[in-house]
Amino acid sequence: MNIDFPPPSKGTYNNAGGCRQLANYCEHEDLERIEKGIYTEGFFNLTEENLYKANIIEDIDTNIGQLLKTDAKFYAIHVSPSEKELKTMGNSEQEQAEAMKRYIREVFIPEYAKNFNKGLSAEDIKFYGKIHFDRNRSDNELNMHCHLIVSRKDQSNKKKLSPLTNHKNTKKGAIKGGFDRTNLFQQAEAGFDRLFSYQRDLQETFVYCNTMKNGSIKDKLQMQEQELKQPKTVLVPEIENSKKQERTNVGTDIQPNSQTYDHSNDQTAGQPISRSGQNVLSSLFSILPTAADVSNPNPEDEQPLKKVKKKKKGRRIG
């Protein structure tokens, strides 16, 4: 599960003014899907669905009591499950979209509210969500994700809430509370696993990814030791149709291994799964050079030798 807060900018994520530009962006893929006859998902909040964009813009842009002209008026949040997580959420886009809305309402927003340490609940957060199904820069088969527009102020328009603050559970000073993004990521991940009964591998956890990216050498070594202690998956060799799979490569007596892998998602690469991937040994042999390749690495570049014709001597006259 990837959760990120796009930094404010002068473009789509400019949050010092109104949210119209971001709301327009959230609808950018709808027209293309409607033209193809594919259903779209409208805006939603904690209790309602298919909300009008104009009403959303007005609600966010008027909930700005006591904010200065240069203050942030709202924040954008992206919630993006991995392909493996999406498969757990449903078999179709519509099932996955319904599961995503349930996750946002029952897990993410409650954890978001709780993380401010101000006694807030999900009902205190003013937000609107929009589900996207495509991602132009991704080669994944499944790319569903959710965009959230969250008001800087709570529903009562009294409390300022910033998920980008560096304060964490502050009890003294002008700012009380704070926001611990690391804690939010961990709690949102644990909530996903409980909601969908998801069996998360160590390599998929936020703690593992964060340690391997930002941790000290000592922390990384400890995490690798923990990874090695994980029980290995026992694979059952394939019995049916074994005769048909004998000697797949002509001239070799090596039998293909039944262990298969799916490389469609970087987070799960190398984990044993169903027989949808390439055979490991077959893949290995396919990349080894053959004798012909060694003797002639670029056969298409080889040109046949031309015979040299001897020049006939002319006859001397006289």
Protein backbone atom coordinates (compact mmCIF):
# COMPACT_ATOMS: atom_id res chain seq x y z
CA MET A 1 0.00 0.00 0.00
CA ASN A 2 1.46 3.32 -1.06
CA ILE A 3 0.15 6.48 0.64
CA ASP A 4 1.64 9.86 -0.23
CA PHE A 5 0.94 13.57 0.19
CA PRO A 6 1.82 15.44 -3.04
CA PRO A 7 3.69 18.64 -2.07
CA PRO A 8 1.87 21.90 -2.82
CA SER A 9 2.87 23.43 -6.15
CA LYS A 10 1.81 26.14 -8.58
CA GLY A 11 -0.10 23.65 -10.70
CA THR A 12 -2.73 21.03 -9.89
CA TYR A 13 -1.73 20.79 -6.24
CA ASN A 14 -1.68 24.52 -5.49
CA ASN A 15 -3.60 24.55 -2.22
CA ALA A 16 -3.23 28.21 -1.25
CA GLY A 17 -6.33 29.05 -3.28
CA GLY A 18 -9.42 27.12 -4.35
CA CYS A 19 -9.57 23.40 -5.12
CA ARG A 20 -11.22 23.73 -8.55
CA GLN A 21 -8.08 22.77 -10.46
CA LEU A 22 -7.58 19.60 -8.43
CA ALA A 23 -11.26 18.68 -8.66
CA ASN A 24 -11.12 19.08 -12.46
CA TYR A 25 -8.05 16.84 -12.60
CA CYS A 26 -9.86 14.17 -10.59
CA GLU A 27 -12.41 13.88 -13.43
CA HIS A 28 -9.87 13.75 -16.26
CA GLU A 29 -10.30 10.05 -17.11
CA ASP A 30 -14.11 10.00 -16.90
CA LEU A 31 -14.80 11.25 -20.44
CA GLU A 32 -12.55 8.62 -22.03
CA ARG A 33 -14.20 5.82 -20.04
CA ILE A 34 -17.71 7.07 -20.87
CA GLU A 35 -16.85 7.14 -24.61
CA LYS A 36 -15.71 3.51 -24.33
CA GLY A 37 -18.90 2.55 -22.49
CA ILE A 38 -17.03 1.82 -19.26
CA TYR A 39 -18.62 2.89 -15.99
CA THR A 40 -17.07 5.66 -13.89
CA GLU A 41 -17.00 6.37 -10.18
CA GLY A 42 -18.22 9.73 -8.90
CA PHE A 43 -16.98 11.73 -5.93
CA PHE A 44 -17.73 10.28 -2.50
CA ASN A 45 -17.29 11.19 1.16
CA LEU A 46 -17.85 9.36 4.44
CA THR A 47 -21.57 8.71 3.86
CA GLU A 48 -22.51 9.84 0.33
CA GLU A 49 -21.68 8.91 -3.26
CA ASN A 50 -21.97 10.40 -6.76
CA LEU A 51 -21.59 13.94 -5.48
CA TYR A 52 -21.49 16.91 -7.83
CA LYS A 53 -18.09 18.52 -8.40
CA ALA A 54 -19.52 22.04 -8.04
CA ASN A 55 -20.84 21.25 -4.57
CA ILE A 56 -17.49 19.76 -3.55
CA ILE A 57 -15.56 22.84 -4.67
CA GLU A 58 -17.92 25.16 -2.79
CA ASP A 59 -17.80 23.05 0.38
CA ILE A 60 -13.98 22.92 0.49
CA ASP A 61 -13.44 26.54 -0.57
CA THR A 62 -15.79 27.97 2.07
CA ASN A 63 -14.42 25.91 4.96
CA ILE A 64 -11.46 28.25 5.48
CA GLY A 65 -12.29 30.20 8.66
CA GLN A 66 -9.37 32.21 10.09
CA LEU A 67 -6.93 31.02 7.43
CA LEU A 68 -4.56 33.56 5.89
CA LYS A 69 -4.38 34.17 2.14
CA THR A 70 -1.14 32.19 1.82
CA ASP A 71 -2.21 29.34 4.13
CA ALA A 72 -3.01 25.90 2.77
CA LYS A 73 -6.78 25.51 2.35
CA PHE A 74 -6.78 21.77 1.61
CA TYR A 75 -4.44 18.81 1.11
CA ALA A 76 -4.25 16.12 -1.56
CA ILE A 77 -3.63 12.48 -0.62
CA HIS A 78 -3.03 9.47 -2.88
CA VAL A 79 -3.92 5.96 -1.72
CA SER A 80 -2.56 3.32 -4.11
CA PRO A 81 -2.79 -0.43 -3.40
CA SER A 82 -0.33 -2.80 -5.04
CA GLU A 83 -1.51 -5.26 -7.71
CA LYS A 84 -1.41 -8.06 -5.18
CA GLU A 85 -3.55 -6.06 -2.76
CA LEU A 86 -6.01 -5.14 -5.52
CA LYS A 87 -6.53 -8.81 -6.36
CA THR A 88 -7.49 -9.35 -2.73
CA MET A 89 -9.98 -6.47 -2.92
CA GLY A 90 -12.04 -7.96 -5.75
CA ASN A 91 -12.12 -9.68 -9.13
CA SER A 92 -13.49 -6.74 -11.14
CA GLU A 93 -12.93 -3.00 -11.26
CA GLN A 94 -16.32 -2.38 -9.70
CA GLU A 95 -15.66 -4.79 -6.82
CA GLN A 96 -12.26 -3.22 -6.22
CA ALA A 97 -13.77 0.30 -6.30
CA GLU A 98 -16.38 -0.65 -3.70
CA ALA A 99 -13.66 -2.21 -1.53
CA MET A 100 -11.55 0.94 -1.88
CA LYS A 101 -14.40 3.19 -0.72
CA ARG A 102 -14.97 0.86 2.23
CA TYR A 103 -11.28 0.99 3.12
CA ILE A 104 -11.18 4.81 2.95
CA ARG A 105 -14.29 5.14 5.13
CA GLU A 106 -13.61 2.42 7.68
CA VAL A 107 -9.83 2.48 7.98
CA PHE A 108 -7.96 5.37 6.41
CA ILE A 109 -10.07 8.39 7.43
CA PRO A 110 -10.56 7.13 11.04
CA GLU A 111 -6.78 6.59 11.36
CA TYR A 112 -6.12 9.97 9.74
CA ALA A 113 -8.39 11.70 12.29
CA LYS A 114 -6.96 9.79 15.25
CA ASN A 115 -3.39 10.62 14.26
CA PHE A 116 -3.83 14.35 14.99
CA ASN A 117 -4.11 13.50 18.70
CA LYS A 118 -6.91 16.03 19.15
CA GLY A 119 -9.70 13.62 20.01
CA LEU A 120 -11.07 13.67 16.46
CA SER A 121 -13.11 10.97 14.71
CA ALA A 122 -13.82 10.24 11.05
CA GLU A 123 -16.97 12.39 11.25
CA ASP A 124 -14.79 15.45 12.01
CA ILE A 125 -12.83 15.19 8.75
CA LYS A 126 -14.16 17.03 5.69
CA PHE A 127 -12.95 15.12 2.64
CA TYR A 128 -13.96 13.99 -0.84
CA GLY A 129 -12.56 11.02 -2.74
CA LYS A 130 -12.37 10.11 -6.43
CA ILE A 131 -11.25 6.72 -7.73
CA HIS A 132 -9.05 6.41 -10.82
CA PHE A 133 -8.50 3.15 -12.71
CA ASP A 134 -5.60 4.03 -14.99
CA ARG A 135 -2.09 5.36 -14.57
CA ASN A 136 -0.31 6.48 -17.74
CA ARG A 137 3.23 5.89 -16.53
CA SER A 138 2.62 2.37 -15.21
CA ASP A 139 3.02 -0.98 -16.95
CA ASN A 140 0.95 -2.79 -14.31
CA GLU A 141 -2.21 -4.59 -15.35
CA LEU A 142 -4.11 -3.18 -12.35
CA ASN A 143 -3.67 0.48 -11.43
CA MET A 144 -6.72 1.50 -9.42
CA HIS A 145 -5.99 4.23 -6.86
CA CYS A 146 -7.85 6.93 -4.96
CA HIS A 147 -7.40 10.72 -4.87
CA LEU A 148 -8.53 12.50 -1.71
CA ILE A 149 -9.18 16.22 -1.28
CA VAL A 150 -9.09 16.93 2.47
CA SER A 151 -10.02 20.28 3.98
CA ARG A 152 -7.44 22.06 6.14
CA LYS A 153 -10.19 22.77 8.68
CA ASP A 154 -12.38 20.22 10.43
CA GLN A 155 -16.14 19.92 9.85
CA SER A 156 -16.83 22.58 12.46
CA ASN A 157 -14.52 25.01 10.63
CA LYS A 158 -12.70 25.65 13.93
CA LYS A 159 -9.66 23.36 14.13
CA LYS A 160 -6.67 23.60 11.80
CA LEU A 161 -5.44 20.19 10.65
CA SER A 162 -2.19 19.74 8.75
CA PRO A 163 -0.82 16.28 7.87
CA LEU A 164 2.42 17.92 6.71
CA THR A 165 3.39 19.40 10.07
CA ASN A 166 6.59 18.18 11.70
CA HIS A 167 5.02 18.27 15.18
CA LYS A 168 4.19 14.89 16.70
CA ASN A 169 1.80 14.70 19.67
CA THR A 170 2.98 18.05 21.04
CA LYS A 171 1.50 18.92 24.44
CA LYS A 172 3.15 22.34 25.01
CA GLY A 173 3.47 25.46 22.88
CA ALA A 174 1.23 27.13 20.32
CA ILE A 175 0.63 23.90 18.40
CA LYS A 176 -1.07 21.08 20.28
CA GLY A 177 -1.21 17.60 18.80
CA GLY A 178 0.72 17.23 15.55
CA PHE A 179 0.80 14.45 12.99
CA ASP A 180 2.94 11.31 12.76
CA ARG A 181 2.93 10.18 9.14
CA THR A 182 4.97 7.07 9.90
CA ASN A 183 2.38 5.96 12.42
CA LEU A 184 -0.41 6.65 9.92
CA PHE A 185 1.25 4.47 7.27
CA GLN A 186 1.68 1.60 9.72
CA GLN A 187 -1.86 1.80 11.10
CA ALA A 188 -3.40 2.15 7.63
CA GLU A 189 -1.46 -0.93 6.51
CA ALA A 190 -2.53 -2.97 9.55
CA GLY A 191 -6.13 -1.86 9.04
CA PHE A 192 -6.06 -3.00 5.41
CA ASP A 193 -4.79 -6.43 6.45
CA ARG A 194 -7.55 -6.81 9.04
CA LEU A 195 -10.32 -5.57 6.73
CA PHE A 196 -9.46 -7.88 3.84
CA SER A 197 -7.78 -10.74 5.78
CA TYR A 198 -4.63 -10.02 3.79
CA GLN A 199 -1.53 -12.12 4.48
CA ARG A 200 1.27 -9.59 4.05
CA ASP A 201 4.82 -10.78 3.39
CA LEU A 202 7.64 -9.07 5.27
CA GLN A 203 8.95 -7.54 2.03
CA GLU A 204 5.60 -5.80 1.50
CA THR A 205 5.46 -4.10 4.89
CA PHE A 206 6.05 -0.39 5.37
CA VAL A 207 8.62 -1.13 8.08
CA TYR A 208 10.67 -3.32 5.72
CA CYS A 209 10.55 -0.89 2.77
CA ASN A 210 11.27 2.14 4.95
CA THR A 211 14.19 0.41 6.69
CA MET A 212 15.78 -0.77 3.45
CA LYS A 213 15.46 2.73 1.98
CA ASN A 214 16.21 5.02 4.93
CA GLY A 215 17.58 2.83 7.73
CA SER A 216 21.13 2.54 9.02
CA ILE A 217 23.40 -0.29 7.91
CA LYS A 218 22.77 -2.03 11.24
CA ASP A 219 19.00 -1.76 10.82
CA LYS A 220 19.21 -3.08 7.26
CA LEU A 221 21.28 -6.07 8.34
CA GLN A 222 18.82 -6.88 11.14
CA MET A 223 15.94 -6.67 8.66
CA GLN A 224 17.74 -8.99 6.24
CA GLU A 225 18.33 -11.48 9.06
CA GLN A 226 14.63 -11.36 9.87
CA GLU A 227 13.85 -11.94 6.19
CA LEU A 228 16.08 -15.04 6.09
CA LYS A 229 14.29 -16.50 9.11
CA GLN A 230 10.95 -16.42 7.30
CA PRO A 231 9.61 -19.92 6.55
CA LYS A 232 10.05 -20.90 2.93
CA THR A 233 7.03 -21.86 0.87
CA VAL A 234 6.95 -25.60 0.11
CA LEU A 235 6.07 -26.16 -3.53
CA VAL A 236 4.33 -29.35 -4.68
CA PRO A 237 5.86 -30.69 -7.91
CA GLU A 238 3.46 -31.08 -10.81
CA ILE A 239 2.51 -34.69 -11.55
CA GLU A 240 -0.20 -34.34 -14.19
CA ASN A 241 1.01 -33.93 -17.76
CA SER A 242 4.58 -34.55 -16.65
CA LYS A 243 5.23 -36.70 -19.71
CA LYS A 244 4.18 -33.87 -21.99
CA GLN A 245 6.68 -31.58 -20.29
CA GLU A 246 9.63 -34.02 -20.57
CA ARG A 247 12.61 -32.84 -22.53
CA THR A 248 11.12 -29.49 -23.46
CA ASN A 249 14.52 -28.46 -24.77
CA VAL A 250 15.74 -30.84 -27.48
CA GLY A 251 18.93 -32.67 -26.57
CA THR A 252 18.68 -32.20 -22.78
CA ASP A 253 17.51 -34.58 -20.08
CA ILE A 254 16.78 -31.84 -17.54
CA GLN A 255 13.13 -31.70 -16.47
CA PRO A 256 11.45 -28.29 -16.12
CA ASN A 257 10.90 -27.23 -12.53
CA SER A 258 7.28 -26.65 -11.52
CA GLN A 259 8.17 -23.57 -9.43
CA THR A 260 6.82 -20.46 -11.13
CA TYR A 261 7.04 -16.76 -10.50
CA ASP A 262 5.01 -13.71 -11.40
CA HIS A 263 7.01 -10.57 -12.14
CA SER A 264 4.01 -8.34 -12.82
CA ASN A 265 4.56 -6.49 -9.54
CA ASP A 266 7.98 -5.40 -8.22
CA GLN A 267 6.84 -5.84 -4.63
CA THR A 268 6.06 -9.53 -5.11
CA ALA A 269 8.77 -10.50 -7.57
CA GLY A 270 10.51 -13.68 -6.50
CA GLN A 271 7.59 -15.02 -4.48
CA PRO A 272 6.14 -18.42 -5.50
CA ILE A 273 2.63 -18.09 -6.91
CA SER A 274 0.29 -19.87 -9.33
CA ARG A 275 1.39 -21.21 -12.70
CA SER A 276 0.93 -17.96 -14.60
CA GLY A 277 4.62 -17.00 -14.80
CA GLN A 278 7.59 -18.24 -16.80
CA ASN A 279 9.34 -21.46 -15.77
CA VAL A 280 12.48 -20.55 -13.88
CA LEU A 281 14.84 -23.12 -15.42
CA SER A 282 13.41 -22.58 -18.90
CA SER A 283 14.03 -18.86 -18.48
CA LEU A 284 17.56 -19.59 -17.31
CA PHE A 285 18.38 -21.77 -20.33
CA SER A 286 16.82 -19.22 -22.66
CA ILE A 287 19.37 -16.59 -21.64
CA LEU A 288 22.44 -18.89 -21.82
CA PRO A 289 24.38 -18.61 -25.11
CA THR A 290 24.37 -21.62 -27.41
CA ALA A 291 27.42 -22.96 -29.19
CA ALA A 292 26.29 -21.25 -32.37
CA ASP A 293 25.92 -17.96 -30.53
CA VAL A 294 29.43 -18.21 -29.09
CA SER A 295 31.05 -18.96 -32.42
CA ASN A 296 29.07 -16.25 -34.14
CA PRO A 297 27.47 -13.72 -31.76
CA ASN A 298 26.01 -11.70 -34.65
CA PRO A 299 25.18 -14.13 -37.44
CA GLU A 300 23.18 -11.53 -39.36
CA ASP A 301 26.33 -9.38 -39.65
CA GLU A 302 28.43 -12.16 -41.24
CA GLN A 303 28.91 -11.73 -44.99
CA PRO A 304 29.83 -14.62 -47.33
CA LEU A 305 33.41 -14.57 -48.60
CA LYS A 306 33.76 -13.51 -52.21
CA LYS A 307 36.00 -15.45 -54.56
CA VAL A 308 38.91 -13.41 -55.89
CA LYS A 309 39.09 -13.66 -59.66
CA LYS A 310 42.59 -13.83 -61.09
CA LYS A 311 43.34 -11.24 -63.67
CA LYS A 312 44.22 -12.75 -67.06
CA LYS A 313 47.48 -11.57 -68.55
CA GLY A 314 47.19 -10.00 -71.96
CA ARG A 315 48.95 -11.65 -74.93
CA ARG A 316 52.00 -9.90 -76.22
CA ILE A 317 52.02 -9.36 -79.95
CA GLY A 318 55.26 -9.08 -81.77
